[in-house]
Amino acid sequence: MTDASQNDRLANDKPPSKARRAVKGPLRREAILNAALEVFSRDGYSAASVNTIAEIAEITTAGLLHHFPNKVALLTGVLERRDEESRKLTGAMLNSRHLYQLFNNLRTVNRANVNMAGVVRVFTVLNAESLTDTHPAWEWYQSRYQGLYKRLLTEFEALRSYGEVREDVDLLGVVQEIIAMMDGLQIQWLRFPDQLWLVERFDVYLKRLEEDLRPKKRGLNHEPPNRQLSE
């Protein structure tokens, strides 16, 4: 055998590169979900192609369908993974004893979103796309918002009982306002990332809201209005 032939054989015997090596089991599933996230964020759900997702994941379409039998299953997988990530972030929001603690937890969630613009983009696109009740993500988003309302409302009710929030505050209105502010700022940030600082805008909003929600404290040297000093 010539040296050239031997070199060719040795080259052919080299193991495949990491980029081309087949990814097994859970890692392959993660690769598929990452590809689906990319395609959904760019094309939305309706226009997304399973073949394109398979190509990005470096797997055959048949191989993809082995893990996720259809596009709805892919969407469900992406949403369920988001649910798991959200639970990790929002777990600390429960049982806050002080208003500043709850708001700091909300700031943490908002800051985390800055580091995953792709995830925020796909869930913003799907949120708008799923506003009709025939969309496969309709139920997930309905449940998500209802769950957020319930958790935050429970937190604010507890904080009011601790004297951290004024008695006359419309708590459900505050919860809806906070979620609307988070969603709205994210849309503007995705569209104008160089013009809107997501963290700073939300921090300023929460600071203003905290000042508005806290019970007003009277000065130590002042009597309540219309009250006569005792002689």
C-alpha atoms as a PDB file:
ATOM      1  CA  MET A   1       0.000   0.000   0.000  1.00  0.00           C
ATOM      2  CA  THR A   2       1.379   3.411  -0.936  1.00  0.00           C
ATOM      3  CA  ASP A   3       1.846   6.144   1.627  1.00  0.00           C
ATOM      4  CA  ALA A   4      -0.849   8.213  -0.119  1.00  0.00           C
ATOM      5  CA  SER A   5      -3.348   5.351   0.030  1.00  0.00           C
ATOM      6  CA  GLN A   6      -2.555   4.748   3.680  1.00  0.00           C
ATOM      7  CA  ASN A   7      -3.034   8.440   4.462  1.00  0.00           C
ATOM      8  CA  ASP A   8      -6.402   8.409   2.672  1.00  0.00           C
ATOM      9  CA  ARG A   9      -7.508   5.385   4.694  1.00  0.00           C
ATOM     10  CA  LEU A  10      -6.435   6.990   7.963  1.00  0.00           C
ATOM     11  CA  ALA A  11      -8.268  10.183   7.049  1.00  0.00           C
ATOM     12  CA  ASN A  12     -11.436   8.211   6.356  1.00  0.00           C
ATOM     13  CA  ASP A  13     -11.083   6.411   9.682  1.00  0.00           C
ATOM     14  CA  LYS A  14     -11.149   9.676  11.664  1.00  0.00           C
ATOM     15  CA  PRO A  15     -14.178  10.029  13.933  1.00  0.00           C
ATOM     16  CA  PRO A  16     -16.807  12.537  12.763  1.00  0.00           C
ATOM     17  CA  SER A  17     -16.503  16.085  14.066  1.00  0.00           C
ATOM     18  CA  LYS A  18     -18.612  17.158  17.039  1.00  0.00           C
ATOM     19  CA  ALA A  19     -20.718  19.384  14.792  1.00  0.00           C
ATOM     20  CA  ARG A  20     -21.720  16.419  12.630  1.00  0.00           C
ATOM     21  CA  ARG A  21     -21.867  13.736  15.295  1.00  0.00           C
ATOM     22  CA  ALA A  22     -25.385  12.514  15.976  1.00  0.00           C
ATOM     23  CA  VAL A  23     -26.838  13.848  19.203  1.00  0.00           C
ATOM     24  CA  LYS A  24     -28.667  11.214  21.184  1.00  0.00           C
ATOM     25  CA  GLY A  25     -31.710  11.170  23.449  1.00  0.00           C
ATOM     26  CA  PRO A  26     -32.474  14.285  25.506  1.00  0.00           C
ATOM     27  CA  LEU A  27     -29.735  16.301  23.794  1.00  0.00           C
ATOM     28  CA  ARG A  28     -31.280  15.657  20.399  1.00  0.00           C
ATOM     29  CA  ARG A  29     -34.664  16.702  21.764  1.00  0.00           C
ATOM     30  CA  GLU A  30     -33.132  19.940  23.069  1.00  0.00           C
ATOM     31  CA  ALA A  31     -31.536  20.587  19.673  1.00  0.00           C
ATOM     32  CA  ILE A  32     -34.935  20.180  18.008  1.00  0.00           C
ATOM     33  CA  LEU A  33     -36.622  22.529  20.493  1.00  0.00           C
ATOM     34  CA  ASN A  34     -33.891  25.134  19.994  1.00  0.00           C
ATOM     35  CA  ALA A  35     -34.400  24.924  16.238  1.00  0.00           C
ATOM     36  CA  ALA A  36     -38.176  25.205  16.660  1.00  0.00           C
ATOM     37  CA  LEU A  37     -37.689  28.253  18.867  1.00  0.00           C
ATOM     38  CA  GLU A  38     -35.575  29.882  16.159  1.00  0.00           C
ATOM     39  CA  VAL A  39     -38.075  29.164  13.380  1.00  0.00           C
ATOM     40  CA  PHE A  40     -41.164  30.122  15.410  1.00  0.00           C
ATOM     41  CA  SER A  41     -39.544  33.434  16.396  1.00  0.00           C
ATOM     42  CA  ARG A  42     -38.765  34.225  12.758  1.00  0.00           C
ATOM     43  CA  ASP A  43     -41.791  32.820  10.909  1.00  0.00           C
ATOM     44  CA  GLY A  44     -44.481  32.455  13.573  1.00  0.00           C
ATOM     45  CA  TYR A  45     -46.278  29.177  14.123  1.00  0.00           C
ATOM     46  CA  SER A  46     -48.560  29.131  11.093  1.00  0.00           C
ATOM     47  CA  ALA A  47     -45.790  29.697   8.538  1.00  0.00           C
ATOM     48  CA  ALA A  48     -43.187  27.542  10.294  1.00  0.00           C
ATOM     49  CA  SER A  49     -41.987  24.466   8.407  1.00  0.00           C
ATOM     50  CA  VAL A  50     -41.177  21.172  10.121  1.00  0.00           C
ATOM     51  CA  ASN A  51     -38.662  20.472   7.356  1.00  0.00           C
ATOM     52  CA  THR A  52     -36.859  23.741   8.089  1.00  0.00           C
ATOM     53  CA  ILE A  53     -36.774  22.956  11.803  1.00  0.00           C
ATOM     54  CA  ALA A  54     -35.306  19.522  11.052  1.00  0.00           C
ATOM     55  CA  GLU A  55     -32.660  21.046   8.790  1.00  0.00           C
ATOM     56  CA  ILE A  56     -31.553  23.541  11.449  1.00  0.00           C
ATOM     57  CA  ALA A  57     -31.479  20.773  14.072  1.00  0.00           C
ATOM     58  CA  GLU A  58     -29.315  18.688  11.690  1.00  0.00           C
ATOM     59  CA  ILE A  59     -31.725  15.781  11.747  1.00  0.00           C
ATOM     60  CA  THR A  60     -33.949  14.154   9.149  1.00  0.00           C
ATOM     61  CA  THR A  61     -37.614  15.076   9.103  1.00  0.00           C
ATOM     62  CA  ALA A  62     -38.439  11.458   9.937  1.00  0.00           C
ATOM     63  CA  GLY A  63     -36.063  11.642  12.902  1.00  0.00           C
ATOM     64  CA  LEU A  64     -37.720  14.835  14.126  1.00  0.00           C
ATOM     65  CA  LEU A  65     -41.177  13.283  13.837  1.00  0.00           C
ATOM     66  CA  HIS A  66     -39.952  10.383  15.959  1.00  0.00           C
ATOM     67  CA  HIS A  67     -39.560  12.835  18.863  1.00  0.00           C
ATOM     68  CA  PHE A  68     -42.421  15.195  17.968  1.00  0.00           C
ATOM     69  CA  PRO A  69     -45.131  13.603  15.783  1.00  0.00           C
ATOM     70  CA  ASN A  70     -46.420  16.926  14.388  1.00  0.00           C
ATOM     71  CA  LYS A  71     -46.001  20.695  14.533  1.00  0.00           C
ATOM     72  CA  VAL A  72     -48.492  21.044  17.390  1.00  0.00           C
ATOM     73  CA  ALA A  73     -46.345  18.687  19.477  1.00  0.00           C
ATOM     74  CA  LEU A  74     -43.316  20.855  18.669  1.00  0.00           C
ATOM     75  CA  LEU A  75     -45.169  23.963  19.791  1.00  0.00           C
ATOM     76  CA  THR A  76     -46.267  22.218  22.983  1.00  0.00           C
ATOM     77  CA  GLY A  77     -42.677  21.187  23.686  1.00  0.00           C
ATOM     78  CA  VAL A  78     -41.422  24.750  23.273  1.00  0.00           C
ATOM     79  CA  LEU A  79     -44.163  26.126  25.541  1.00  0.00           C
ATOM     80  CA  GLU A  80     -43.642  23.464  28.209  1.00  0.00           C
ATOM     81  CA  ARG A  81     -39.927  24.211  28.319  1.00  0.00           C
ATOM     82  CA  ARG A  82     -40.745  27.899  28.720  1.00  0.00           C
ATOM     83  CA  ASP A  83     -43.090  26.974  31.576  1.00  0.00           C
ATOM     84  CA  GLU A  84     -40.270  25.172  33.349  1.00  0.00           C
ATOM     85  CA  GLU A  85     -37.890  28.120  32.912  1.00  0.00           C
ATOM     86  CA  SER A  86     -40.563  30.549  34.124  1.00  0.00           C
ATOM     87  CA  ARG A  87     -41.212  28.523  37.264  1.00  0.00           C
ATOM     88  CA  LYS A  88     -37.523  28.698  38.158  1.00  0.00           C
ATOM     89  CA  LEU A  89     -37.537  32.484  37.767  1.00  0.00           C
ATOM     90  CA  THR A  90     -40.858  33.201  39.473  1.00  0.00           C
ATOM     91  CA  GLY A  91     -40.509  30.746  42.342  1.00  0.00           C
ATOM     92  CA  ALA A  92     -38.856  33.423  44.462  1.00  0.00           C
ATOM     93  CA  MET A  93     -41.841  35.726  43.920  1.00  0.00           C
ATOM     94  CA  LEU A  94     -43.969  33.750  46.338  1.00  0.00           C
ATOM     95  CA  ASN A  95     -44.496  34.763  49.963  1.00  0.00           C
ATOM     96  CA  SER A  96     -42.863  38.198  49.837  1.00  0.00           C
ATOM     97  CA  ARG A  97     -43.092  39.961  53.205  1.00  0.00           C
ATOM     98  CA  HIS A  98     -42.259  43.395  51.817  1.00  0.00           C
ATOM     99  CA  LEU A  99     -43.269  45.301  48.701  1.00  0.00           C
ATOM    100  CA  TYR A 100     -39.657  45.945  47.734  1.00  0.00           C
ATOM    101  CA  GLN A 101     -38.996  42.179  47.796  1.00  0.00           C
ATOM    102  CA  LEU A 102     -41.783  41.475  45.323  1.00  0.00           C
ATOM    103  CA  PHE A 103     -40.635  44.292  43.053  1.00  0.00           C
ATOM    104  CA  ASN A 104     -37.018  43.119  43.219  1.00  0.00           C
ATOM    105  CA  ASN A 105     -38.198  39.681  42.106  1.00  0.00           C
ATOM    106  CA  LEU A 106     -40.040  41.251  39.176  1.00  0.00           C
ATOM    107  CA  ARG A 107     -36.864  43.138  38.290  1.00  0.00           C
ATOM    108  CA  THR A 108     -34.961  39.839  38.315  1.00  0.00           C
ATOM    109  CA  VAL A 109     -37.407  38.312  35.833  1.00  0.00           C
ATOM    110  CA  ASN A 110     -37.176  41.366  33.585  1.00  0.00           C
ATOM    111  CA  ARG A 111     -33.364  41.367  33.666  1.00  0.00           C
ATOM    112  CA  ALA A 112     -33.306  37.670  32.768  1.00  0.00           C
ATOM    113  CA  ASN A 113     -35.335  38.444  29.642  1.00  0.00           C
ATOM    114  CA  VAL A 114     -32.581  40.753  28.384  1.00  0.00           C
ATOM    115  CA  ASN A 115     -30.265  37.756  28.108  1.00  0.00           C
ATOM    116  CA  MET A 116     -32.707  35.677  26.053  1.00  0.00           C
ATOM    117  CA  ALA A 117     -34.042  37.979  23.364  1.00  0.00           C
ATOM    118  CA  GLY A 118     -34.774  35.032  21.071  1.00  0.00           C
ATOM    119  CA  VAL A 119     -37.033  33.414  23.657  1.00  0.00           C
ATOM    120  CA  VAL A 120     -38.819  36.709  24.330  1.00  0.00           C
ATOM    121  CA  ARG A 121     -39.296  37.237  20.587  1.00  0.00           C
ATOM    122  CA  VAL A 122     -40.867  33.840  19.932  1.00  0.00           C
ATOM    123  CA  PHE A 123     -43.270  34.152  22.853  1.00  0.00           C
ATOM    124  CA  THR A 124     -44.239  37.657  21.798  1.00  0.00           C
ATOM    125  CA  VAL A 125     -44.918  36.480  18.239  1.00  0.00           C
ATOM    126  CA  LEU A 126     -46.883  33.445  19.429  1.00  0.00           C
ATOM    127  CA  ASN A 127     -48.800  35.550  21.945  1.00  0.00           C
ATOM    128  CA  ALA A 128     -50.115  37.813  19.194  1.00  0.00           C
ATOM    129  CA  GLU A 129     -50.693  34.926  16.797  1.00  0.00           C
ATOM    130  CA  SER A 130     -52.695  32.927  19.362  1.00  0.00           C
ATOM    131  CA  LEU A 131     -55.350  35.579  20.024  1.00  0.00           C
ATOM    132  CA  THR A 132     -57.911  33.439  18.187  1.00  0.00           C
ATOM    133  CA  ASP A 133     -59.285  30.479  20.119  1.00  0.00           C
ATOM    134  CA  THR A 134     -58.579  28.104  17.221  1.00  0.00           C
ATOM    135  CA  HIS A 135     -54.817  28.540  17.586  1.00  0.00           C
ATOM    136  CA  PRO A 136     -53.065  25.587  19.289  1.00  0.00           C
ATOM    137  CA  ALA A 137     -51.344  27.946  21.766  1.00  0.00           C
ATOM    138  CA  TRP A 138     -54.584  29.697  22.791  1.00  0.00           C
ATOM    139  CA  GLU A 139     -55.153  27.548  25.865  1.00  0.00           C
ATOM    140  CA  TRP A 140     -51.531  27.806  27.020  1.00  0.00           C
ATOM    141  CA  TYR A 141     -51.529  31.601  26.932  1.00  0.00           C
ATOM    142  CA  GLN A 142     -54.949  31.825  28.588  1.00  0.00           C
ATOM    143  CA  SER A 143     -53.723  29.592  31.404  1.00  0.00           C
ATOM    144  CA  ARG A 144     -50.426  31.481  31.659  1.00  0.00           C
ATOM    145  CA  TYR A 145     -52.064  34.880  32.122  1.00  0.00           C
ATOM    146  CA  GLN A 146     -54.665  33.559  34.540  1.00  0.00           C
ATOM    147  CA  GLY A 147     -51.901  31.941  36.576  1.00  0.00           C
ATOM    148  CA  LEU A 148     -49.893  35.174  36.640  1.00  0.00           C
ATOM    149  CA  TYR A 149     -52.954  37.160  37.721  1.00  0.00           C
ATOM    150  CA  LYS A 150     -53.675  34.711  40.523  1.00  0.00           C
ATOM    151  CA  ARG A 151     -50.101  34.541  41.862  1.00  0.00           C
ATOM    152  CA  LEU A 152     -49.504  38.279  41.801  1.00  0.00           C
ATOM    153  CA  LEU A 153     -52.932  39.083  43.207  1.00  0.00           C
ATOM    154  CA  THR A 154     -52.301  36.685  46.105  1.00  0.00           C
ATOM    155  CA  GLU A 155     -48.971  38.399  46.767  1.00  0.00           C
ATOM    156  CA  PHE A 156     -50.484  41.891  46.766  1.00  0.00           C
ATOM    157  CA  GLU A 157     -53.356  40.836  49.023  1.00  0.00           C
ATOM    158  CA  ALA A 158     -50.848  39.475  51.534  1.00  0.00           C
ATOM    159  CA  LEU A 159     -48.745  42.637  51.309  1.00  0.00           C
ATOM    160  CA  ARG A 160     -51.811  44.763  51.959  1.00  0.00           C
ATOM    161  CA  SER A 161     -52.551  42.706  55.073  1.00  0.00           C
ATOM    162  CA  TYR A 162     -48.979  43.444  56.242  1.00  0.00           C
ATOM    163  CA  GLY A 163     -49.571  47.174  55.813  1.00  0.00           C
ATOM    164  CA  GLU A 164     -47.270  47.403  52.779  1.00  0.00           C
ATOM    165  CA  VAL A 165     -49.999  48.511  50.343  1.00  0.00           C
ATOM    166  CA  ARG A 166     -52.771  51.093  50.745  1.00  0.00           C
ATOM    167  CA  GLU A 167     -56.235  49.746  51.534  1.00  0.00           C
ATOM    168  CA  ASP A 168     -57.923  51.663  48.697  1.00  0.00           C
ATOM    169  CA  VAL A 169     -55.731  50.241  45.899  1.00  0.00           C
ATOM    170  CA  ASP A 170     -57.391  48.287  43.072  1.00  0.00           C
ATOM    171  CA  LEU A 171     -55.083  45.268  43.313  1.00  0.00           C
ATOM    172  CA  LEU A 172     -56.325  43.476  40.198  1.00  0.00           C
ATOM    173  CA  GLY A 173     -55.835  46.691  38.245  1.00  0.00           C
ATOM    174  CA  VAL A 174     -52.251  46.928  39.527  1.00  0.00           C
ATOM    175  CA  VAL A 175     -51.540  43.326  38.510  1.00  0.00           C
ATOM    176  CA  GLN A 176     -52.942  43.902  35.019  1.00  0.00           C
ATOM    177  CA  GLU A 177     -50.937  47.111  34.707  1.00  0.00           C
ATOM    178  CA  ILE A 178     -47.649  45.432  35.693  1.00  0.00           C
ATOM    179  CA  ILE A 179     -48.109  42.597  33.197  1.00  0.00           C
ATOM    180  CA  ALA A 180     -49.152  45.041  30.468  1.00  0.00           C
ATOM    181  CA  MET A 181     -46.071  47.153  31.180  1.00  0.00           C
ATOM    182  CA  MET A 182     -43.753  44.144  30.991  1.00  0.00           C
ATOM    183  CA  ASP A 183     -45.285  42.877  27.746  1.00  0.00           C
ATOM    184  CA  GLY A 184     -45.450  46.327  26.161  1.00  0.00           C
ATOM    185  CA  LEU A 185     -41.870  47.251  27.012  1.00  0.00           C
ATOM    186  CA  GLN A 186     -40.655  43.942  25.611  1.00  0.00           C
ATOM    187  CA  ILE A 187     -42.370  44.621  22.272  1.00  0.00           C
ATOM    188  CA  GLN A 188     -40.769  48.066  22.015  1.00  0.00           C
ATOM    189  CA  TRP A 189     -37.388  46.677  23.097  1.00  0.00           C
ATOM    190  CA  LEU A 190     -37.518  43.959  20.429  1.00  0.00           C
ATOM    191  CA  ARG A 191     -38.360  46.564  17.790  1.00  0.00           C
ATOM    192  CA  PHE A 192     -35.984  49.296  18.975  1.00  0.00           C
ATOM    193  CA  PRO A 193     -33.216  47.563  20.969  1.00  0.00           C
ATOM    194  CA  ASP A 194     -30.854  50.528  20.559  1.00  0.00           C
ATOM    195  CA  GLN A 195     -33.410  53.098  21.687  1.00  0.00           C
ATOM    196  CA  LEU A 196     -35.130  51.514  24.668  1.00  0.00           C
ATOM    197  CA  TRP A 197     -33.295  50.216  27.723  1.00  0.00           C
ATOM    198  CA  LEU A 198     -35.606  47.484  28.989  1.00  0.00           C
ATOM    199  CA  VAL A 199     -34.123  47.178  32.476  1.00  0.00           C
ATOM    200  CA  GLU A 200     -33.944  50.917  33.136  1.00  0.00           C
ATOM    201  CA  ARG A 201     -37.484  51.651  31.894  1.00  0.00           C
ATOM    202  CA  PHE A 202     -39.038  48.900  33.990  1.00  0.00           C
ATOM    203  CA  ASP A 203     -37.019  49.846  37.083  1.00  0.00           C
ATOM    204  CA  VAL A 204     -38.187  53.462  36.822  1.00  0.00           C
ATOM    205  CA  TYR A 205     -41.787  52.316  36.438  1.00  0.00           C
ATOM    206  CA  LEU A 206     -41.615  50.047  39.509  1.00  0.00           C
ATOM    207  CA  LYS A 207     -40.042  52.783  41.608  1.00  0.00           C
ATOM    208  CA  ARG A 208     -42.890  55.139  40.737  1.00  0.00           C
ATOM    209  CA  LEU A 209     -45.483  52.421  41.356  1.00  0.00           C
ATOM    210  CA  GLU A 210     -43.990  51.498  44.729  1.00  0.00           C
ATOM    211  CA  GLU A 211     -44.213  55.111  45.891  1.00  0.00           C
ATOM    212  CA  ASP A 212     -47.850  55.240  44.806  1.00  0.00           C
ATOM    213  CA  LEU A 213     -48.870  51.963  46.481  1.00  0.00           C
ATOM    214  CA  ARG A 214     -47.348  52.524  49.893  1.00  0.00           C
ATOM    215  CA  PRO A 215     -49.561  53.926  52.668  1.00  0.00           C
ATOM    216  CA  LYS A 216     -49.009  57.641  53.136  1.00  0.00           C
ATOM    217  CA  LYS A 217     -47.179  58.348  56.374  1.00  0.00           C
ATOM    218  CA  ARG A 218     -48.076  61.424  58.357  1.00  0.00           C
ATOM    219  CA  GLY A 219     -45.329  63.566  59.798  1.00  0.00           C
ATOM    220  CA  LEU A 220     -44.507  62.912  63.430  1.00  0.00           C
ATOM    221  CA  ASN A 221     -45.362  66.480  64.439  1.00  0.00           C
ATOM    222  CA  HIS A 222     -48.655  66.732  62.546  1.00  0.00           C
ATOM    223  CA  GLU A 223     -52.150  65.872  63.724  1.00  0.00           C
ATOM    224  CA  PRO A 224     -54.699  64.351  61.314  1.00  0.00           C
ATOM    225  CA  PRO A 225     -56.848  66.920  59.450  1.00  0.00           C
ATOM    226  CA  ASN A 226     -59.854  68.426  61.312  1.00  0.00           C
ATOM    227  CA  ARG A 227     -58.658  67.072  64.630  1.00  0.00           C
ATOM    228  CA  GLN A 228     -58.493  69.528  67.554  1.00  0.00           C
ATOM    229  CA  LEU A 229     -55.500  69.512  69.854  1.00  0.00           C
ATOM    230  CA  SER A 230     -56.415  68.541  73.392  1.00  0.00           C
ATOM    231  CA  GLU A 231     -56.092  71.283  75.960  1.00  0.00           C
END
